[in-house]
């Protein structure tokens, strides 16, 4: 089954991906790296990319249109416990930190392929990830909501996308061994909830996979047929985005 999934993932574009296992020093740099890779691919780097990174400190990430006041606990924000940043894609607000594994896919869009629209892209990628991770667990993985992966109705992965004309960025987080009670301390109940959540608290709604990060990375590398390491990154663009966007309240606290 794993080899079949690998073939299907590779054959939809007829090309083999590159992988990038890179965690930069700051949360701002890591968020900027995803956007810079998308801009880079859109501008002419024609190779698709699978990136992994693992946060070394806690921080809040708002979805592109999320409002700080309705997503983050007022007392936590007033105490300035963790940085509050905004990503370039949609989706909900999350708390990041040690015990999370993040991935990013930079994929080429074609008019007649499985990435031709938002819904088709969600279906295609979530199916790949559910199948890839099922091989590591004895419990079935389900897709619920638009882009959640769950175990027994408990969410362990949330995902979002941003689309350009030629390429898209699809990225998300896997909860491996995260401090789940901390999420309820920092984040309020989300302003938008999938129906299957039934207004459960973060602690009642989320779960950890309890898998080694290296095992998850290898499973996804095989599923996306990404054996070759990416040897260069758009470093100048990353630093430009950090300086002009991801370290500025005009971006992070815009809503």
Protein backbone atom coordinates (compact mmCIF):
# COMPACT_ATOMS: atom_id res chain seq x y z
CA UNK A 1 0.00 0.00 0.00
CA UNK A 2 2.80 2.45 0.89
CA UNK A 3 4.47 2.00 -2.50
CA UNK A 4 1.14 2.47 -4.30
CA UNK A 5 0.55 5.73 -2.42
CA UNK A 6 4.07 6.88 -3.25
CA UNK A 7 3.48 6.21 -6.93
CA UNK A 8 0.17 8.06 -6.92
CA UNK A 9 1.68 11.07 -5.17
CA UNK A 10 4.64 11.23 -7.52
CA UNK A 11 2.77 10.47 -10.71
CA UNK A 12 0.22 13.26 -10.42
CA UNK A 13 2.91 15.69 -11.63
CA UNK A 14 5.38 13.26 -13.11
CA UNK A 15 8.20 14.60 -10.96
CA UNK A 16 9.97 13.69 -7.72
CA UNK A 17 9.92 16.08 -4.78
CA UNK A 18 12.74 17.48 -2.73
CA UNK A 19 12.62 17.50 1.07
CA UNK A 20 13.87 20.15 3.48
CA UNK A 21 14.29 19.33 7.17
CA UNK A 22 14.98 22.83 8.49
CA UNK A 23 14.06 24.52 11.75
CA UNK A 24 15.23 28.11 11.85
CA UNK A 25 16.14 29.96 15.04
CA UNK A 26 12.94 31.96 15.60
CA UNK A 27 9.19 31.45 15.08
CA UNK A 28 9.19 34.49 12.79
CA UNK A 29 11.84 32.95 10.56
CA UNK A 30 10.00 29.65 10.36
CA UNK A 31 6.72 31.27 9.30
CA UNK A 32 8.58 33.50 6.83
CA UNK A 33 10.34 30.46 5.36
CA UNK A 34 7.04 28.91 4.26
CA UNK A 35 5.92 32.10 2.51
CA UNK A 36 9.36 32.63 0.96
CA UNK A 37 9.36 29.09 -0.43
CA UNK A 38 5.94 29.70 -1.99
CA UNK A 39 7.12 32.95 -3.58
CA UNK A 40 10.29 31.22 -4.77
CA UNK A 41 8.40 28.37 -6.42
CA UNK A 42 5.89 30.76 -7.97
CA UNK A 43 8.75 32.84 -9.40
CA UNK A 44 10.40 29.93 -11.17
CA UNK A 45 11.88 27.29 -8.84
CA UNK A 46 9.92 24.51 -10.50
CA UNK A 47 10.64 21.67 -8.06
CA UNK A 48 8.03 20.68 -5.50
CA UNK A 49 9.12 20.67 -1.85
CA UNK A 50 8.24 18.89 1.41
CA UNK A 51 9.55 20.76 4.45
CA UNK A 52 9.64 19.78 8.14
CA UNK A 53 10.31 21.97 11.16
CA UNK A 54 9.92 21.59 14.93
CA UNK A 55 9.31 24.61 17.19
CA UNK A 56 11.80 25.15 20.00
CA UNK A 57 9.67 27.68 21.93
CA UNK A 58 5.99 28.37 22.53
CA UNK A 59 4.15 30.94 20.41
CA UNK A 60 0.64 31.64 19.12
CA UNK A 61 -0.12 31.62 15.39
CA UNK A 62 -3.27 33.34 14.13
CA UNK A 63 -4.81 32.29 10.84
CA UNK A 64 -4.74 35.02 8.20
CA UNK A 65 -8.16 36.49 9.05
CA UNK A 66 -8.34 35.62 12.77
CA UNK A 67 -8.96 38.39 15.30
CA UNK A 68 -6.62 38.42 18.27
CA UNK A 69 -9.34 39.49 20.73
CA UNK A 70 -11.59 36.53 19.96
CA UNK A 71 -8.91 33.82 19.78
CA UNK A 72 -6.42 34.47 22.61
CA UNK A 73 -7.11 34.65 26.34
CA UNK A 74 -6.97 38.31 27.41
CA UNK A 75 -4.95 37.60 30.54
CA UNK A 76 -2.45 35.46 28.66
CA UNK A 77 -1.99 38.17 26.06
CA UNK A 78 -1.72 40.92 28.67
CA UNK A 79 0.98 38.92 30.46
CA UNK A 80 2.86 38.69 27.16
CA UNK A 81 3.67 35.06 27.88
CA UNK A 82 4.27 34.05 24.29
CA UNK A 83 4.72 35.87 20.97
CA UNK A 84 1.55 36.24 18.89
CA UNK A 85 2.20 35.91 15.16
CA UNK A 86 0.06 35.65 12.02
CA UNK A 87 0.61 33.22 9.15
CA UNK A 88 -0.06 33.82 5.47
CA UNK A 89 -2.69 31.04 5.18
CA UNK A 90 -6.20 30.65 6.55
CA UNK A 91 -7.51 28.28 9.19
CA UNK A 92 -7.73 28.62 12.94
CA UNK A 93 -5.48 29.90 15.70
CA UNK A 94 -2.99 27.44 17.22
CA UNK A 95 -0.44 27.31 19.99
CA UNK A 96 2.90 26.02 18.74
CA UNK A 97 5.83 24.70 20.75
CA UNK A 98 7.95 21.68 21.67
CA UNK A 99 6.10 18.47 20.90
CA UNK A 100 4.71 19.75 17.59
CA UNK A 101 5.93 18.65 14.18
CA UNK A 102 5.17 21.03 11.34
CA UNK A 103 5.24 20.19 7.65
CA UNK A 104 4.88 22.33 4.53
CA UNK A 105 4.12 21.21 0.99
CA UNK A 106 4.89 23.40 -2.01
CA UNK A 107 2.92 21.83 -4.87
CA UNK A 108 2.42 22.75 -8.49
CA UNK A 109 -1.15 23.44 -9.61
CA UNK A 110 -2.56 22.10 -12.86
CA UNK A 111 -6.00 22.84 -14.32
CA UNK A 112 -6.96 19.17 -14.60
CA UNK A 113 -5.09 17.67 -11.64
CA UNK A 114 -6.08 16.80 -8.05
CA UNK A 115 -4.93 20.26 -6.84
CA UNK A 116 -7.15 22.26 -9.21
CA UNK A 117 -9.36 23.65 -6.44
CA UNK A 118 -9.43 24.14 -2.67
CA UNK A 119 -11.72 21.20 -1.94
CA UNK A 120 -9.88 18.86 -4.31
CA UNK A 121 -6.57 19.81 -2.71
CA UNK A 122 -7.89 19.20 0.79
CA UNK A 123 -9.21 15.79 -0.22
CA UNK A 124 -6.03 14.73 -2.00
CA UNK A 125 -3.56 15.73 0.71
CA UNK A 126 -5.62 14.59 3.68
CA UNK A 127 -6.09 11.18 2.09
CA UNK A 128 -2.33 10.85 1.55
CA UNK A 129 -1.56 11.79 5.14
CA UNK A 130 -4.22 9.57 6.69
CA UNK A 131 -2.91 6.59 4.75
CA UNK A 132 0.74 7.36 5.48
CA UNK A 133 0.22 7.71 9.23
CA UNK A 134 -2.13 4.74 9.52
CA UNK A 135 0.84 2.49 8.81
CA UNK A 136 2.46 3.76 12.05
CA UNK A 137 -0.56 3.23 14.30
CA UNK A 138 -2.89 0.41 15.27
CA UNK A 139 -5.89 2.77 15.34
CA UNK A 140 -7.68 4.05 12.25
CA UNK A 141 -7.15 7.69 11.30
CA UNK A 142 -10.13 9.73 10.12
CA UNK A 143 -10.50 13.02 8.32
CA UNK A 144 -13.11 15.29 9.88
CA UNK A 145 -14.08 18.86 9.21
CA UNK A 146 -12.32 20.24 6.15
CA UNK A 147 -8.69 19.51 7.00
CA UNK A 148 -8.52 17.86 10.44
CA UNK A 149 -7.05 14.42 11.10
CA UNK A 150 -8.42 12.60 14.13
CA UNK A 151 -8.05 9.49 16.27
CA UNK A 152 -11.28 8.34 17.86
CA UNK A 153 -12.83 11.74 17.23
CA UNK A 154 -9.88 13.62 18.80
CA UNK A 155 -7.91 16.01 16.62
CA UNK A 156 -4.14 15.68 16.25
CA UNK A 157 -3.54 17.59 13.00
CA UNK A 158 -4.85 20.87 11.64
CA UNK A 159 -3.98 22.20 8.20
CA UNK A 160 -4.39 25.20 5.90
CA UNK A 161 -3.46 26.33 2.41
CA UNK A 162 -2.56 29.41 0.41
CA UNK A 163 -2.84 29.37 -3.37
CA UNK A 164 -1.01 31.33 -6.02
CA UNK A 165 -1.35 30.99 -9.80
CA UNK A 166 1.25 28.23 -10.37
CA UNK A 167 1.97 26.85 -6.88
CA UNK A 168 0.21 26.37 -3.59
CA UNK A 169 1.40 26.13 0.00
CA UNK A 170 -0.31 23.48 2.13
CA UNK A 171 0.98 23.26 5.67
CA UNK A 172 -0.03 21.97 9.07
CA UNK A 173 0.93 20.58 12.45
CA UNK A 174 1.03 17.13 14.02
CA UNK A 175 0.65 16.98 17.80
CA UNK A 176 3.17 14.37 18.91
CA UNK A 177 3.89 15.06 22.59
CA UNK A 178 2.55 18.56 23.17
CA UNK A 179 1.51 20.16 26.48
CA UNK A 180 -2.22 20.00 25.74
CA UNK A 181 -3.49 21.64 28.98
CA UNK A 182 -1.44 24.73 28.10
CA UNK A 183 -3.59 25.30 25.01
CA UNK A 184 -6.68 25.94 27.13
CA UNK A 185 -4.74 28.43 29.25
CA UNK A 186 -3.68 30.49 26.24
CA UNK A 187 -6.43 30.12 23.63
CA UNK A 188 -10.15 30.77 23.98
CA UNK A 189 -12.74 28.55 22.36
CA UNK A 190 -12.27 29.10 18.60
CA UNK A 191 -14.56 31.56 16.86
CA UNK A 192 -15.27 28.98 14.16
CA UNK A 193 -15.66 25.29 14.96
CA UNK A 194 -16.23 22.18 12.84
CA UNK A 195 -19.53 20.49 13.57
CA UNK A 196 -17.88 17.35 14.96
CA UNK A 197 -16.23 19.37 17.76
CA UNK A 198 -19.58 19.88 19.57
CA UNK A 199 -18.09 22.83 21.50
CA UNK A 200 -15.65 20.60 23.36
CA UNK A 201 -12.81 22.36 25.18
CA UNK A 202 -9.30 22.18 23.72
CA UNK A 203 -8.35 19.56 26.31
CA UNK A 204 -11.40 17.43 25.46
CA UNK A 205 -10.94 17.85 21.71
CA UNK A 206 -7.20 17.32 21.11
CA UNK A 207 -4.83 14.38 21.42
CA UNK A 208 -1.17 13.53 20.88
CA UNK A 209 0.05 10.85 18.51
CA UNK A 210 2.92 9.80 20.79
CA UNK A 211 5.05 8.93 17.78
CA UNK A 212 8.72 9.82 17.19
CA UNK A 213 9.08 12.80 14.87
CA UNK A 214 11.58 10.91 12.72
CA UNK A 215 9.08 8.13 12.06
CA UNK A 216 6.40 10.59 10.95
CA UNK A 217 8.88 12.43 8.72
CA UNK A 218 10.02 9.24 7.04
CA UNK A 219 6.45 8.08 6.45
CA UNK A 220 5.58 11.37 4.75
CA UNK A 221 8.79 11.43 2.72
CA UNK A 222 7.85 8.03 1.34
CA UNK A 223 4.22 8.99 0.74
CA UNK A 224 5.26 12.06 -1.28
CA UNK A 225 8.30 10.42 -2.91
CA UNK A 226 10.69 13.11 -1.65
CA UNK A 227 14.08 11.37 -1.39
CA UNK A 228 16.35 14.20 -2.47
CA UNK A 229 17.39 16.96 -0.08
CA UNK A 230 16.85 20.58 -1.11
CA UNK A 231 20.31 22.13 -1.19
CA UNK A 232 19.40 25.83 -1.24
CA UNK A 233 16.74 28.09 0.20
CA UNK A 234 15.74 31.71 -0.54
CA UNK A 235 17.54 33.08 2.54
CA UNK A 236 17.42 36.73 1.50
CA UNK A 237 13.65 36.58 0.97
CA UNK A 238 13.15 34.89 4.34
CA UNK A 239 15.03 37.66 6.12
CA UNK A 240 13.18 40.34 4.16
CA UNK A 241 9.83 38.87 5.21
CA UNK A 242 10.98 38.61 8.83
CA UNK A 243 12.06 42.24 8.90
CA UNK A 244 9.19 43.75 6.94
CA UNK A 245 6.31 41.49 8.01
CA UNK A 246 6.61 38.81 10.66
CA UNK A 247 8.24 40.98 13.35
CA UNK A 248 5.77 43.85 12.88
CA UNK A 249 2.55 44.44 14.76
CA UNK A 250 1.08 45.91 11.56
CA UNK A 251 0.99 42.32 10.25
CA UNK A 252 0.73 40.15 13.35
CA UNK A 253 -1.96 42.21 15.12
CA UNK A 254 -3.70 43.61 12.06
CA UNK A 255 -7.17 42.36 13.10
